[in-house]
Amino acid sequence: MLKLIIILIVALIFEAVGVVLLSQGLQEIGDVGKITPAAIKRVVLQGATNRNILLGVLFEAIFFGALLVLLAKADVSLIWPLTSIGFVLTTAAAKFIRHEEVSSLRWNGVVLIMIGAALVGWSEKQKRQPVAGPNRIVEPLNR
């Protein structure tokens, strides 16, 4: 379980930095304005050569690859809720890399997300505990 959590945290760091890089790259490209074929072509061409967008896409691909590994090894009902920790990392990355203003209300929301992720992780630990009955102990099934 510890190995999965370490992989998840490393993957979520890539994901958080990737999202921030994508946002930065899109800011550099500028507003699309009217959606016309010429405007779409400009955004695609500038995006395909923008360092931040390319790095962001790479980091998101690394995250997605790690997510596939994690989903192959553990329950989706464990892994997917734990990816919500990415909201914490992304908010922190936006604050420290992009210097975005993050209000206390937003940080409180991030804390609530962390509490939810902790509950999901705790539920996995509880699932592995032996279940005691009146005259017996029932071990959970191993996969």
N, C-alpha and C. Protein backbone atom coordinates (compact mmCIF):
# COMPACT_ATOMS: atom_id res chain seq x y z
N MET A 1 0.82 -1.19 0.00
CA MET A 1 0.00 0.00 0.00
C MET A 1 0.87 1.26 0.00
N LEU A 2 1.95 1.25 0.78
CA LEU A 2 2.84 2.42 0.84
C LEU A 2 3.43 2.73 -0.53
N LYS A 3 3.81 1.69 -1.26
CA LYS A 3 4.37 1.88 -2.61
C LYS A 3 3.35 2.56 -3.52
N LEU A 4 2.09 2.14 -3.43
CA LEU A 4 1.04 2.76 -4.25
C LEU A 4 0.85 4.24 -3.89
N ILE A 5 0.89 4.54 -2.61
CA ILE A 5 0.72 5.93 -2.17
C ILE A 5 1.88 6.79 -2.65
N ILE A 6 3.10 6.26 -2.60
CA ILE A 6 4.26 7.02 -3.08
C ILE A 6 4.14 7.28 -4.58
N ILE A 7 3.77 6.25 -5.34
CA ILE A 7 3.57 6.43 -6.78
C ILE A 7 2.50 7.47 -7.03
N LEU A 8 1.40 7.39 -6.27
CA LEU A 8 0.30 8.34 -6.44
C LEU A 8 0.75 9.77 -6.15
N ILE A 9 1.49 9.97 -5.07
CA ILE A 9 1.93 11.33 -4.72
C ILE A 9 2.87 11.89 -5.78
N VAL A 10 3.81 11.08 -6.24
CA VAL A 10 4.73 11.54 -7.30
C VAL A 10 3.94 11.88 -8.57
N ALA A 11 2.99 11.01 -8.92
CA ALA A 11 2.17 11.25 -10.10
C ALA A 11 1.35 12.53 -9.94
N LEU A 12 0.81 12.75 -8.76
CA LEU A 12 -0.01 13.95 -8.53
C LEU A 12 0.83 15.22 -8.55
N ILE A 13 2.10 15.13 -8.17
CA ILE A 13 2.98 16.29 -8.29
C ILE A 13 3.17 16.63 -9.77
N PHE A 14 3.40 15.61 -10.60
CA PHE A 14 3.49 15.84 -12.04
C PHE A 14 2.20 16.46 -12.57
N GLU A 15 1.08 15.94 -12.10
CA GLU A 15 -0.22 16.43 -12.57
C GLU A 15 -0.43 17.89 -12.18
N ALA A 16 -0.11 18.24 -10.93
CA ALA A 16 -0.30 19.61 -10.45
C ALA A 16 0.58 20.59 -11.21
N VAL A 17 1.84 20.25 -11.36
CA VAL A 17 2.75 21.14 -12.09
C VAL A 17 2.34 21.20 -13.57
N GLY A 18 1.89 20.08 -14.12
CA GLY A 18 1.43 20.06 -15.51
C GLY A 18 0.25 20.99 -15.75
N VAL A 19 -0.71 20.98 -14.84
CA VAL A 19 -1.88 21.87 -14.98
C VAL A 19 -1.45 23.33 -14.91
N VAL A 20 -0.55 23.64 -13.98
CA VAL A 20 -0.07 25.01 -13.85
C VAL A 20 0.70 25.44 -15.10
N LEU A 21 1.52 24.55 -15.64
CA LEU A 21 2.25 24.86 -16.87
C LEU A 21 1.30 25.08 -18.05
N LEU A 22 0.27 24.24 -18.15
CA LEU A 22 -0.72 24.43 -19.21
C LEU A 22 -1.41 25.78 -19.08
N SER A 23 -1.78 26.14 -17.86
CA SER A 23 -2.41 27.43 -17.63
C SER A 23 -1.48 28.58 -18.01
N GLN A 24 -0.22 28.47 -17.62
CA GLN A 24 0.76 29.51 -17.96
C GLN A 24 0.92 29.61 -19.48
N GLY A 25 1.02 28.47 -20.15
CA GLY A 25 1.16 28.49 -21.60
C GLY A 25 -0.04 29.11 -22.29
N LEU A 26 -1.22 28.80 -21.81
CA LEU A 26 -2.43 29.39 -22.40
C LEU A 26 -2.49 30.89 -22.16
N GLN A 27 -2.00 31.35 -21.02
CA GLN A 27 -1.93 32.78 -20.75
C GLN A 27 -0.97 33.46 -21.74
N GLU A 28 0.13 32.78 -22.04
CA GLU A 28 1.12 33.32 -22.97
C GLU A 28 0.57 33.41 -24.39
N ILE A 29 -0.24 32.44 -24.77
CA ILE A 29 -0.82 32.45 -26.13
C ILE A 29 -1.82 33.59 -26.28
N GLY A 30 -2.57 33.85 -25.24
CA GLY A 30 -3.53 34.95 -25.28
C GLY A 30 -4.93 34.47 -25.58
N ASP A 31 -5.84 35.39 -25.49
CA ASP A 31 -7.26 35.10 -25.67
C ASP A 31 -7.58 34.75 -27.11
N VAL A 32 -8.46 33.79 -27.27
CA VAL A 32 -8.86 33.37 -28.62
C VAL A 32 -9.74 34.43 -29.26
N GLY A 33 -10.56 35.11 -28.47
CA GLY A 33 -11.48 36.09 -29.04
C GLY A 33 -12.60 35.37 -29.77
N LYS A 34 -12.74 35.69 -31.04
CA LYS A 34 -13.74 35.02 -31.86
C LYS A 34 -13.23 33.64 -32.27
N ILE A 35 -14.12 32.65 -32.21
CA ILE A 35 -13.73 31.31 -32.62
C ILE A 35 -13.94 31.18 -34.13
N THR A 36 -12.84 31.33 -34.84
CA THR A 36 -12.84 31.21 -36.30
C THR A 36 -11.76 30.20 -36.68
N PRO A 37 -11.81 29.68 -37.89
CA PRO A 37 -10.74 28.76 -38.31
C PRO A 37 -9.34 29.38 -38.17
N ALA A 38 -9.20 30.65 -38.47
CA ALA A 38 -7.90 31.31 -38.36
C ALA A 38 -7.46 31.40 -36.90
N ALA A 39 -8.39 31.72 -36.01
CA ALA A 39 -8.05 31.82 -34.59
C ALA A 39 -7.67 30.45 -34.03
N ILE A 40 -8.40 29.42 -34.41
CA ILE A 40 -8.09 28.06 -33.96
C ILE A 40 -6.72 27.64 -34.47
N LYS A 41 -6.43 27.94 -35.74
CA LYS A 41 -5.13 27.61 -36.30
C LYS A 41 -4.01 28.30 -35.54
N ARG A 42 -4.21 29.58 -35.21
CA ARG A 42 -3.20 30.34 -34.47
C ARG A 42 -2.94 29.71 -33.10
N VAL A 43 -4.02 29.36 -32.39
CA VAL A 43 -3.86 28.78 -31.05
C VAL A 43 -3.18 27.42 -31.13
N VAL A 44 -3.55 26.60 -32.09
CA VAL A 44 -2.93 25.27 -32.23
C VAL A 44 -1.46 25.41 -32.56
N LEU A 45 -1.12 26.27 -33.51
CA LEU A 45 0.28 26.45 -33.89
C LEU A 45 1.12 27.02 -32.75
N GLN A 46 0.58 28.01 -32.06
CA GLN A 46 1.32 28.59 -30.93
C GLN A 46 1.41 27.59 -29.78
N GLY A 47 0.35 26.83 -29.57
CA GLY A 47 0.36 25.82 -28.51
C GLY A 47 1.35 24.71 -28.78
N ALA A 48 1.48 24.33 -30.04
CA ALA A 48 2.38 23.24 -30.42
C ALA A 48 3.85 23.64 -30.29
N THR A 49 4.11 24.93 -30.16
CA THR A 49 5.50 25.38 -30.01
C THR A 49 5.76 26.07 -28.68
N ASN A 50 4.75 26.12 -27.82
CA ASN A 50 4.89 26.78 -26.53
C ASN A 50 5.52 25.82 -25.52
N ARG A 51 6.63 26.22 -24.94
CA ARG A 51 7.37 25.36 -24.01
C ARG A 51 6.52 24.92 -22.83
N ASN A 52 5.76 25.85 -22.24
CA ASN A 52 4.95 25.52 -21.07
C ASN A 52 3.83 24.53 -21.41
N ILE A 53 3.23 24.70 -22.56
CA ILE A 53 2.17 23.77 -22.96
C ILE A 53 2.75 22.40 -23.24
N LEU A 54 3.87 22.34 -23.92
CA LEU A 54 4.48 21.05 -24.23
C LEU A 54 4.92 20.33 -22.95
N LEU A 55 5.53 21.05 -22.01
CA LEU A 55 5.90 20.45 -20.74
C LEU A 55 4.66 20.03 -19.94
N GLY A 56 3.63 20.86 -19.98
CA GLY A 56 2.39 20.54 -19.28
C GLY A 56 1.77 19.25 -19.82
N VAL A 57 1.75 19.12 -21.14
CA VAL A 57 1.21 17.90 -21.74
C VAL A 57 2.06 16.69 -21.37
N LEU A 58 3.38 16.84 -21.37
CA LEU A 58 4.27 15.75 -20.97
C LEU A 58 3.99 15.33 -19.52
N PHE A 59 3.90 16.32 -18.62
CA PHE A 59 3.66 16.00 -17.21
C PHE A 59 2.29 15.35 -17.01
N GLU A 60 1.29 15.81 -17.75
CA GLU A 60 -0.04 15.18 -17.66
C GLU A 60 0.00 13.75 -18.19
N ALA A 61 0.80 13.51 -19.23
CA ALA A 61 0.94 12.15 -19.77
C ALA A 61 1.63 11.23 -18.75
N ILE A 62 2.62 11.75 -18.05
CA ILE A 62 3.29 10.97 -17.00
C ILE A 62 2.28 10.62 -15.91
N PHE A 63 1.48 11.61 -15.51
CA PHE A 63 0.44 11.36 -14.50
C PHE A 63 -0.53 10.28 -14.98
N PHE A 64 -0.97 10.39 -16.22
CA PHE A 64 -1.93 9.42 -16.75
C PHE A 64 -1.33 8.02 -16.80
N GLY A 65 -0.07 7.90 -17.19
CA GLY A 65 0.59 6.59 -17.21
C GLY A 65 0.66 6.00 -15.81
N ALA A 66 1.02 6.82 -14.82
CA ALA A 66 1.08 6.34 -13.44
C ALA A 66 -0.32 5.95 -12.95
N LEU A 67 -1.32 6.72 -13.33
CA LEU A 67 -2.70 6.41 -12.95
C LEU A 67 -3.12 5.05 -13.50
N LEU A 68 -2.75 4.75 -14.73
CA LEU A 68 -3.07 3.45 -15.31
C LEU A 68 -2.43 2.32 -14.51
N VAL A 69 -1.17 2.52 -14.11
CA VAL A 69 -0.48 1.51 -13.29
C VAL A 69 -1.22 1.32 -11.97
N LEU A 70 -1.57 2.43 -11.33
CA LEU A 70 -2.25 2.36 -10.04
C LEU A 70 -3.61 1.68 -10.14
N LEU A 71 -4.36 2.01 -11.18
CA LEU A 71 -5.68 1.40 -11.35
C LEU A 71 -5.60 -0.09 -11.64
N ALA A 72 -4.48 -0.52 -12.23
CA ALA A 72 -4.29 -1.95 -12.49
C ALA A 72 -3.94 -2.72 -11.21
N LYS A 73 -3.44 -2.01 -10.19
CA LYS A 73 -2.96 -2.67 -8.98
C LYS A 73 -3.90 -2.52 -7.78
N ALA A 74 -4.83 -1.57 -7.83
CA ALA A 74 -5.68 -1.31 -6.66
C ALA A 74 -7.10 -0.97 -7.10
N ASP A 75 -8.00 -0.98 -6.14
CA ASP A 75 -9.41 -0.67 -6.42
C ASP A 75 -9.56 0.76 -6.92
N VAL A 76 -10.39 0.93 -7.92
CA VAL A 76 -10.68 2.27 -8.41
C VAL A 76 -11.36 3.09 -7.32
N SER A 77 -12.12 2.42 -6.44
CA SER A 77 -12.80 3.13 -5.35
C SER A 77 -11.81 3.65 -4.31
N LEU A 78 -10.58 3.19 -4.34
CA LEU A 78 -9.52 3.73 -3.49
C LEU A 78 -8.72 4.78 -4.24
N ILE A 79 -8.23 4.41 -5.41
CA ILE A 79 -7.29 5.28 -6.15
C ILE A 79 -7.96 6.57 -6.62
N TRP A 80 -9.12 6.47 -7.23
CA TRP A 80 -9.71 7.69 -7.82
C TRP A 80 -10.03 8.74 -6.77
N PRO A 81 -10.66 8.40 -5.64
CA PRO A 81 -10.86 9.45 -4.62
C PRO A 81 -9.55 10.03 -4.09
N LEU A 82 -8.52 9.21 -3.99
CA LEU A 82 -7.24 9.73 -3.50
C LEU A 82 -6.59 10.70 -4.48
N THR A 83 -6.98 10.64 -5.75
CA THR A 83 -6.44 11.63 -6.69
C THR A 83 -6.92 13.04 -6.35
N SER A 84 -7.92 13.15 -5.48
CA SER A 84 -8.38 14.47 -5.06
C SER A 84 -7.29 15.22 -4.30
N ILE A 85 -6.29 14.50 -3.80
CA ILE A 85 -5.13 15.17 -3.18
C ILE A 85 -4.47 16.08 -4.21
N GLY A 86 -4.65 15.77 -5.48
CA GLY A 86 -4.13 16.62 -6.54
C GLY A 86 -4.66 18.04 -6.47
N PHE A 87 -5.90 18.21 -5.96
CA PHE A 87 -6.45 19.56 -5.81
C PHE A 87 -5.60 20.37 -4.84
N VAL A 88 -5.13 19.72 -3.79
CA VAL A 88 -4.28 20.39 -2.81
C VAL A 88 -2.97 20.80 -3.47
N LEU A 89 -2.35 19.85 -4.16
CA LEU A 89 -1.07 20.13 -4.80
C LEU A 89 -1.20 21.18 -5.90
N THR A 90 -2.28 21.11 -6.66
CA THR A 90 -2.49 22.08 -7.74
C THR A 90 -2.72 23.48 -7.18
N THR A 91 -3.48 23.57 -6.09
CA THR A 91 -3.70 24.89 -5.47
C THR A 91 -2.39 25.45 -4.95
N ALA A 92 -1.60 24.61 -4.32
CA ALA A 92 -0.29 25.06 -3.82
C ALA A 92 0.62 25.46 -4.98
N ALA A 93 0.62 24.68 -6.05
CA ALA A 93 1.45 25.00 -7.21
C ALA A 93 1.01 26.32 -7.84
N ALA A 94 -0.31 26.53 -7.92
CA ALA A 94 -0.81 27.79 -8.49
C ALA A 94 -0.37 28.98 -7.62
N LYS A 95 -0.38 28.79 -6.32
CA LYS A 95 0.03 29.87 -5.41
C LYS A 95 1.52 30.16 -5.53
N PHE A 96 2.34 29.11 -5.53
CA PHE A 96 3.78 29.32 -5.45
C PHE A 96 4.47 29.44 -6.81
N ILE A 97 3.91 28.83 -7.84
CA ILE A 97 4.53 28.93 -9.18
C ILE A 97 3.93 30.09 -9.96
N ARG A 98 2.60 30.18 -9.96
CA ARG A 98 1.92 31.25 -10.72
C ARG A 98 1.66 32.49 -9.89
N HIS A 99 1.90 32.40 -8.58
CA HIS A 99 1.67 33.51 -7.65
C HIS A 99 0.21 33.97 -7.66
N GLU A 100 -0.70 32.99 -7.77
CA GLU A 100 -2.12 33.31 -7.71
C GLU A 100 -2.53 33.60 -6.28
N GLU A 101 -3.51 34.46 -6.11
CA GLU A 101 -4.05 34.74 -4.80
C GLU A 101 -5.04 33.63 -4.45
N VAL A 102 -4.82 32.96 -3.33
CA VAL A 102 -5.71 31.89 -2.88
C VAL A 102 -6.31 32.33 -1.55
N SER A 103 -7.63 32.53 -1.55
CA SER A 103 -8.32 33.03 -0.36
C SER A 103 -8.38 31.97 0.73
N SER A 104 -8.65 32.42 1.94
CA SER A 104 -8.78 31.47 3.06
C SER A 104 -9.98 30.54 2.85
N LEU A 105 -11.02 31.03 2.22
CA LEU A 105 -12.18 30.18 1.94
C LEU A 105 -11.78 29.04 1.00
N ARG A 106 -10.98 29.36 0.00
CA ARG A 106 -10.50 28.33 -0.92
C ARG A 106 -9.60 27.33 -0.21
N TRP A 107 -8.71 27.81 0.67
CA TRP A 107 -7.85 26.90 1.42
C TRP A 107 -8.69 26.00 2.33
N ASN A 108 -9.76 26.56 2.90
CA ASN A 108 -10.66 25.73 3.72
C ASN A 108 -11.28 24.62 2.89
N GLY A 109 -11.64 24.92 1.66
CA GLY A 109 -12.17 23.89 0.77
C GLY A 109 -11.12 22.82 0.49
N VAL A 110 -9.88 23.24 0.33
CA VAL A 110 -8.78 22.30 0.11
C VAL A 110 -8.61 21.39 1.32
N VAL A 111 -8.74 21.96 2.53
CA VAL A 111 -8.65 21.15 3.75
C VAL A 111 -9.77 20.12 3.78
N LEU A 112 -10.97 20.50 3.38
CA LEU A 112 -12.08 19.54 3.33
C LEU A 112 -11.79 18.40 2.35
N ILE A 113 -11.17 18.74 1.23
CA ILE A 113 -10.79 17.71 0.27
C ILE A 113 -9.78 16.75 0.90
N MET A 114 -8.83 17.30 1.64
CA MET A 114 -7.82 16.46 2.30
C MET A 114 -8.48 15.53 3.32
N ILE A 115 -9.45 16.04 4.05
CA ILE A 115 -10.16 15.21 5.03
C ILE A 115 -10.88 14.07 4.32
N GLY A 116 -11.52 14.37 3.20
CA GLY A 116 -12.20 13.33 2.42
C GLY A 116 -11.23 12.28 1.92
N ALA A 117 -10.08 12.70 1.42
CA ALA A 117 -9.08 11.75 0.93
C ALA A 117 -8.56 10.89 2.08
N ALA A 118 -8.38 11.49 3.26
CA ALA A 118 -7.93 10.72 4.42
C ALA A 118 -8.96 9.67 4.81
N LEU A 119 -10.23 10.02 4.75
CA LEU A 119 -11.28 9.05 5.06
C LEU A 119 -11.27 7.88 4.09
N VAL A 120 -11.04 8.16 2.82
CA VAL A 120 -10.97 7.10 1.82
C VAL A 120 -9.79 6.18 2.12
N GLY A 121 -8.64 6.76 2.41
CA GLY A 121 -7.47 5.95 2.75
C GLY A 121 -7.70 5.12 4.01
N TRP A 122 -8.35 5.71 5.00
CA TRP A 122 -8.65 5.01 6.25
C TRP A 122 -9.61 3.85 5.98
N SER A 123 -10.55 4.06 5.06
CA SER A 123 -11.50 2.98 4.75
C SER A 123 -10.78 1.77 4.16
N GLU A 124 -9.71 2.00 3.41
CA GLU A 124 -8.93 0.88 2.86
C GLU A 124 -8.25 0.11 4.00
N LYS A 125 -7.74 0.84 4.98
CA LYS A 125 -7.10 0.19 6.12
C LYS A 125 -8.14 -0.63 6.89
N GLN A 126 -9.33 -0.10 7.07
CA GLN A 126 -10.39 -0.80 7.79
C GLN A 126 -10.83 -2.06 7.04
N LYS A 127 -10.81 -2.00 5.72
CA LYS A 127 -11.20 -3.15 4.90
C LYS A 127 -10.27 -4.33 5.13
N ARG A 128 -9.01 -4.05 5.45
CA ARG A 128 -8.01 -5.10 5.63
C ARG A 128 -7.99 -5.66 7.06
N GLN A 129 -8.69 -5.00 8.00
CA GLN A 129 -8.73 -5.48 9.37
C GLN A 129 -9.62 -6.71 9.47
N PRO A 130 -9.25 -7.70 10.30
CA PRO A 130 -10.12 -8.86 10.49
C PRO A 130 -11.45 -8.42 11.10
N VAL A 131 -12.51 -9.07 10.66
CA VAL A 131 -13.85 -8.77 11.16
C VAL A 131 -14.19 -9.79 12.23
N ALA A 132 -14.50 -9.33 13.44
CA ALA A 132 -14.79 -10.24 14.54
C ALA A 132 -16.29 -10.50 14.61
N GLY A 133 -16.64 -11.77 14.81
CA GLY A 133 -18.03 -12.15 15.02
C GLY A 133 -18.19 -12.66 16.44
N PRO A 134 -19.39 -13.14 16.82
CA PRO A 134 -19.61 -13.60 18.18
C PRO A 134 -18.68 -14.76 18.56
N ASN A 135 -18.44 -15.70 17.65
CA ASN A 135 -17.61 -16.86 17.98
C ASN A 135 -16.49 -17.09 16.98
N ARG A 136 -16.26 -16.14 16.11
CA ARG A 136 -15.28 -16.39 15.07
C ARG A 136 -14.66 -15.09 14.60
N ILE A 137 -13.57 -15.25 13.89
CA ILE A 137 -12.93 -14.12 13.22
C ILE A 137 -12.93 -14.45 11.74
N VAL A 138 -13.44 -13.54 10.94
CA VAL A 138 -13.51 -13.73 9.51
C VAL A 138 -12.45 -12.85 8.87
N GLU A 139 -11.54 -13.46 8.15
CA GLU A 139 -10.49 -12.70 7.47
C GLU A 139 -11.04 -12.20 6.12
N PRO A 140 -10.69 -10.97 5.71
CA PRO A 140 -11.12 -10.52 4.39
C PRO A 140 -10.44 -11.34 3.30
N LEU A 141 -11.09 -11.45 2.16
CA LEU A 141 -10.54 -12.21 1.04
C LEU A 141 -9.32 -11.48 0.47
N ASN A 142 -8.29 -12.23 0.19
CA ASN A 142 -7.11 -11.65 -0.49
C ASN A 142 -7.35 -11.71 -1.98
N ARG A 143 -6.78 -10.75 -2.65
CA ARG A 143 -6.96 -10.72 -4.11
C ARG A 143 -5.87 -11.43 -4.81
